[in-house]
Amino acid sequence: AVPEPFEIVPVVVSARSEAGLREQAGRLAEHLRAHPELEIADVARSLTMRAALENRSVVVAGDRDELLAGLDGLVPGAGPVSGR
């Protein structure tokens, strides 16, 4: 059997404000915890269909635990990295 390639997935979250960005990250993490059957690549692909708003953060993850840790890092108390 051929092993599946290790996949790193960029998951982009965006909102109109930093507070909104943190809320979006929290809601996404909550949704992922409620639906463990969701594949992170499918979630990342779905998020590309959303509008790209002013405030954006990306979590680069190889698995669900990395994605949840990254999203949890965006919730209140952790500052997103700003850049253009």
N, C-alpha and C. Protein backbone atom coordinates (compact mmCIF):
# COMPACT_ATOMS: atom_id res chain seq x y z
N ALA A 1 0.84 -1.19 0.00
CA ALA A 1 0.00 0.00 0.00
C ALA A 1 0.89 1.25 0.00
N VAL A 2 0.44 2.23 -0.72
CA VAL A 2 1.17 3.50 -0.81
C VAL A 2 0.67 4.42 0.30
N PRO A 3 1.57 4.93 1.15
CA PRO A 3 1.10 5.85 2.20
C PRO A 3 0.61 7.15 1.60
N GLU A 4 -0.38 7.73 2.24
CA GLU A 4 -0.89 9.02 1.78
C GLU A 4 0.14 10.10 2.07
N PRO A 5 0.29 11.06 1.16
CA PRO A 5 1.26 12.14 1.40
C PRO A 5 0.83 13.00 2.58
N PHE A 6 1.81 13.49 3.31
CA PHE A 6 1.53 14.40 4.42
C PHE A 6 1.08 15.72 3.83
N GLU A 7 -0.06 16.18 4.27
CA GLU A 7 -0.62 17.40 3.69
C GLU A 7 -0.66 18.52 4.73
N ILE A 8 -0.10 19.65 4.37
CA ILE A 8 -0.18 20.86 5.19
C ILE A 8 -1.23 21.74 4.54
N VAL A 9 -2.18 22.19 5.34
CA VAL A 9 -3.31 22.95 4.81
C VAL A 9 -3.34 24.35 5.41
N PRO A 10 -3.38 25.39 4.57
CA PRO A 10 -3.58 26.75 5.08
C PRO A 10 -5.08 27.01 5.25
N VAL A 11 -5.48 27.39 6.44
CA VAL A 11 -6.88 27.68 6.74
C VAL A 11 -6.98 29.18 7.03
N VAL A 12 -7.67 29.91 6.16
CA VAL A 12 -7.76 31.37 6.26
C VAL A 12 -9.07 31.77 6.92
N VAL A 13 -8.95 32.62 7.93
CA VAL A 13 -10.11 33.17 8.63
C VAL A 13 -10.05 34.68 8.43
N SER A 14 -11.18 35.30 8.09
CA SER A 14 -11.18 36.76 7.92
C SER A 14 -12.43 37.36 8.52
N ALA A 15 -12.33 38.65 8.85
CA ALA A 15 -13.45 39.39 9.45
C ALA A 15 -13.20 40.88 9.24
N ARG A 16 -14.19 41.67 9.56
CA ARG A 16 -14.08 43.13 9.39
C ARG A 16 -13.22 43.79 10.48
N SER A 17 -13.08 43.13 11.62
CA SER A 17 -12.32 43.71 12.73
C SER A 17 -11.51 42.61 13.42
N GLU A 18 -10.55 43.03 14.26
CA GLU A 18 -9.78 42.04 15.02
C GLU A 18 -10.69 41.26 15.95
N ALA A 19 -11.65 41.95 16.58
CA ALA A 19 -12.58 41.25 17.47
C ALA A 19 -13.40 40.23 16.68
N GLY A 20 -13.84 40.63 15.49
CA GLY A 20 -14.59 39.71 14.64
C GLY A 20 -13.76 38.52 14.21
N LEU A 21 -12.48 38.75 13.97
CA LEU A 21 -11.57 37.68 13.58
C LEU A 21 -11.46 36.65 14.70
N ARG A 22 -11.31 37.14 15.90
CA ARG A 22 -11.23 36.24 17.06
C ARG A 22 -12.53 35.46 17.23
N GLU A 23 -13.66 36.13 17.03
CA GLU A 23 -14.96 35.45 17.14
C GLU A 23 -15.10 34.38 16.06
N GLN A 24 -14.70 34.70 14.83
CA GLN A 24 -14.76 33.73 13.73
C GLN A 24 -13.91 32.51 14.05
N ALA A 25 -12.70 32.74 14.55
CA ALA A 25 -11.80 31.63 14.89
C ALA A 25 -12.42 30.76 15.98
N GLY A 26 -13.02 31.40 16.98
CA GLY A 26 -13.67 30.66 18.06
C GLY A 26 -14.85 29.84 17.57
N ARG A 27 -15.66 30.43 16.68
CA ARG A 27 -16.81 29.70 16.13
C ARG A 27 -16.36 28.52 15.27
N LEU A 28 -15.31 28.74 14.48
CA LEU A 28 -14.81 27.65 13.64
C LEU A 28 -14.27 26.51 14.50
N ALA A 29 -13.51 26.84 15.54
CA ALA A 29 -12.98 25.80 16.43
C ALA A 29 -14.12 25.04 17.10
N GLU A 30 -15.14 25.75 17.54
CA GLU A 30 -16.30 25.12 18.17
C GLU A 30 -16.99 24.17 17.18
N HIS A 31 -17.14 24.63 15.94
CA HIS A 31 -17.79 23.81 14.90
C HIS A 31 -16.97 22.55 14.62
N LEU A 32 -15.65 22.70 14.54
CA LEU A 32 -14.79 21.54 14.29
C LEU A 32 -14.85 20.53 15.44
N ARG A 33 -14.93 21.03 16.65
CA ARG A 33 -15.03 20.12 17.80
C ARG A 33 -16.37 19.39 17.81
N ALA A 34 -17.42 20.05 17.36
CA ALA A 34 -18.75 19.44 17.31
C ALA A 34 -18.89 18.46 16.14
N HIS A 35 -18.02 18.59 15.13
CA HIS A 35 -18.10 17.76 13.93
C HIS A 35 -16.73 17.16 13.61
N PRO A 36 -16.30 16.17 14.40
CA PRO A 36 -14.97 15.59 14.19
C PRO A 36 -14.82 14.85 12.86
N GLU A 37 -15.92 14.59 12.19
CA GLU A 37 -15.85 13.90 10.89
C GLU A 37 -15.36 14.81 9.76
N LEU A 38 -15.36 16.12 9.98
CA LEU A 38 -14.94 17.05 8.94
C LEU A 38 -13.44 16.95 8.68
N GLU A 39 -13.07 16.91 7.42
CA GLU A 39 -11.66 16.88 7.01
C GLU A 39 -11.16 18.33 6.95
N ILE A 40 -9.94 18.57 7.45
CA ILE A 40 -9.46 19.95 7.47
C ILE A 40 -9.25 20.50 6.06
N ALA A 41 -8.90 19.66 5.10
CA ALA A 41 -8.73 20.14 3.72
C ALA A 41 -10.07 20.63 3.17
N ASP A 42 -11.16 19.95 3.51
CA ASP A 42 -12.49 20.37 3.06
C ASP A 42 -12.89 21.69 3.71
N VAL A 43 -12.57 21.83 4.99
CA VAL A 43 -12.87 23.08 5.71
C VAL A 43 -12.10 24.23 5.07
N ALA A 44 -10.82 24.02 4.82
CA ALA A 44 -9.98 25.06 4.21
C ALA A 44 -10.53 25.46 2.85
N ARG A 45 -10.92 24.47 2.06
CA ARG A 45 -11.47 24.75 0.73
C ARG A 45 -12.77 25.54 0.83
N SER A 46 -13.63 25.17 1.76
CA SER A 46 -14.90 25.89 1.96
C SER A 46 -14.67 27.34 2.34
N LEU A 47 -13.67 27.59 3.17
CA LEU A 47 -13.39 28.95 3.61
C LEU A 47 -12.88 29.84 2.48
N THR A 48 -12.34 29.24 1.42
CA THR A 48 -11.88 30.06 0.29
C THR A 48 -13.05 30.67 -0.47
N MET A 49 -14.26 30.16 -0.25
CA MET A 49 -15.45 30.69 -0.92
C MET A 49 -16.01 31.93 -0.21
N ARG A 50 -15.53 32.19 0.99
CA ARG A 50 -16.00 33.34 1.76
C ARG A 50 -15.30 34.61 1.30
N ALA A 51 -15.93 35.73 1.57
CA ALA A 51 -15.32 37.02 1.23
C ALA A 51 -14.02 37.21 2.02
N ALA A 52 -13.01 37.76 1.38
CA ALA A 52 -11.74 38.09 2.06
C ALA A 52 -11.89 39.49 2.65
N LEU A 53 -12.11 39.54 3.94
CA LEU A 53 -12.33 40.82 4.61
C LEU A 53 -11.00 41.42 5.08
N GLU A 54 -11.09 42.62 5.67
CA GLU A 54 -9.90 43.42 6.00
C GLU A 54 -8.92 42.73 6.95
N ASN A 55 -9.42 42.04 7.94
CA ASN A 55 -8.57 41.39 8.94
C ASN A 55 -8.54 39.90 8.64
N ARG A 56 -7.32 39.37 8.44
CA ARG A 56 -7.18 37.96 8.08
C ARG A 56 -6.06 37.32 8.88
N SER A 57 -6.27 36.07 9.17
CA SER A 57 -5.22 35.25 9.77
C SER A 57 -5.25 33.90 9.08
N VAL A 58 -4.11 33.27 9.04
CA VAL A 58 -4.05 31.93 8.46
C VAL A 58 -3.44 30.99 9.49
N VAL A 59 -4.04 29.82 9.60
CA VAL A 59 -3.50 28.76 10.44
C VAL A 59 -3.02 27.68 9.48
N VAL A 60 -1.75 27.33 9.57
CA VAL A 60 -1.19 26.27 8.74
C VAL A 60 -1.15 25.01 9.59
N ALA A 61 -1.88 23.98 9.14
CA ALA A 61 -2.03 22.79 9.98
C ALA A 61 -1.88 21.51 9.16
N GLY A 62 -1.31 20.52 9.78
CA GLY A 62 -1.19 19.21 9.16
C GLY A 62 -2.23 18.23 9.66
N ASP A 63 -2.90 18.60 10.76
CA ASP A 63 -3.96 17.74 11.28
C ASP A 63 -4.93 18.58 12.11
N ARG A 64 -5.98 17.92 12.56
CA ARG A 64 -7.05 18.59 13.31
C ARG A 64 -6.53 19.24 14.58
N ASP A 65 -5.66 18.55 15.32
CA ASP A 65 -5.13 19.11 16.57
C ASP A 65 -4.34 20.40 16.33
N GLU A 66 -3.53 20.41 15.27
CA GLU A 66 -2.77 21.62 14.95
C GLU A 66 -3.71 22.76 14.56
N LEU A 67 -4.75 22.44 13.80
CA LEU A 67 -5.71 23.46 13.40
C LEU A 67 -6.43 24.03 14.61
N LEU A 68 -6.90 23.17 15.50
CA LEU A 68 -7.59 23.65 16.69
C LEU A 68 -6.67 24.48 17.58
N ALA A 69 -5.42 24.07 17.73
CA ALA A 69 -4.46 24.84 18.53
C ALA A 69 -4.24 26.21 17.91
N GLY A 70 -4.12 26.26 16.60
CA GLY A 70 -3.94 27.54 15.91
C GLY A 70 -5.14 28.45 16.05
N LEU A 71 -6.33 27.88 15.89
CA LEU A 71 -7.55 28.68 16.04
C LEU A 71 -7.70 29.17 17.47
N ASP A 72 -7.40 28.29 18.43
CA ASP A 72 -7.48 28.69 19.84
C ASP A 72 -6.51 29.82 20.14
N GLY A 73 -5.40 29.88 19.42
CA GLY A 73 -4.42 30.96 19.59
C GLY A 73 -4.91 32.30 19.08
N LEU A 74 -5.98 32.29 18.29
CA LEU A 74 -6.52 33.54 17.75
C LEU A 74 -7.63 34.12 18.61
N VAL A 75 -8.14 33.35 19.55
CA VAL A 75 -9.24 33.84 20.38
C VAL A 75 -8.72 34.87 21.38
N PRO A 76 -9.62 35.58 22.09
CA PRO A 76 -9.19 36.66 22.99
C PRO A 76 -8.00 36.30 23.86
N GLY A 77 -7.07 37.24 23.89
CA GLY A 77 -5.86 37.06 24.67
C GLY A 77 -4.63 36.82 23.82
N ALA A 78 -4.83 36.38 22.58
CA ALA A 78 -3.71 36.16 21.67
C ALA A 78 -3.84 37.14 20.51
N GLY A 79 -2.77 37.82 20.17
CA GLY A 79 -2.84 38.82 19.11
C GLY A 79 -2.48 38.24 17.75
N PRO A 80 -3.30 38.51 16.74
CA PRO A 80 -2.95 38.06 15.40
C PRO A 80 -1.76 38.84 14.84
N VAL A 81 -1.05 38.24 13.93
CA VAL A 81 0.08 38.90 13.27
C VAL A 81 -0.48 39.76 12.16
N SER A 82 -0.07 41.01 12.11
CA SER A 82 -0.54 41.93 11.08
C SER A 82 0.51 42.07 9.99
N GLY A 83 0.07 42.27 8.79
CA GLY A 83 0.99 42.46 7.69
C GLY A 83 0.24 42.70 6.40
N ARG A 84 0.95 43.12 5.39
CA ARG A 84 0.33 43.36 4.08
C ARG A 84 1.15 42.68 3.02
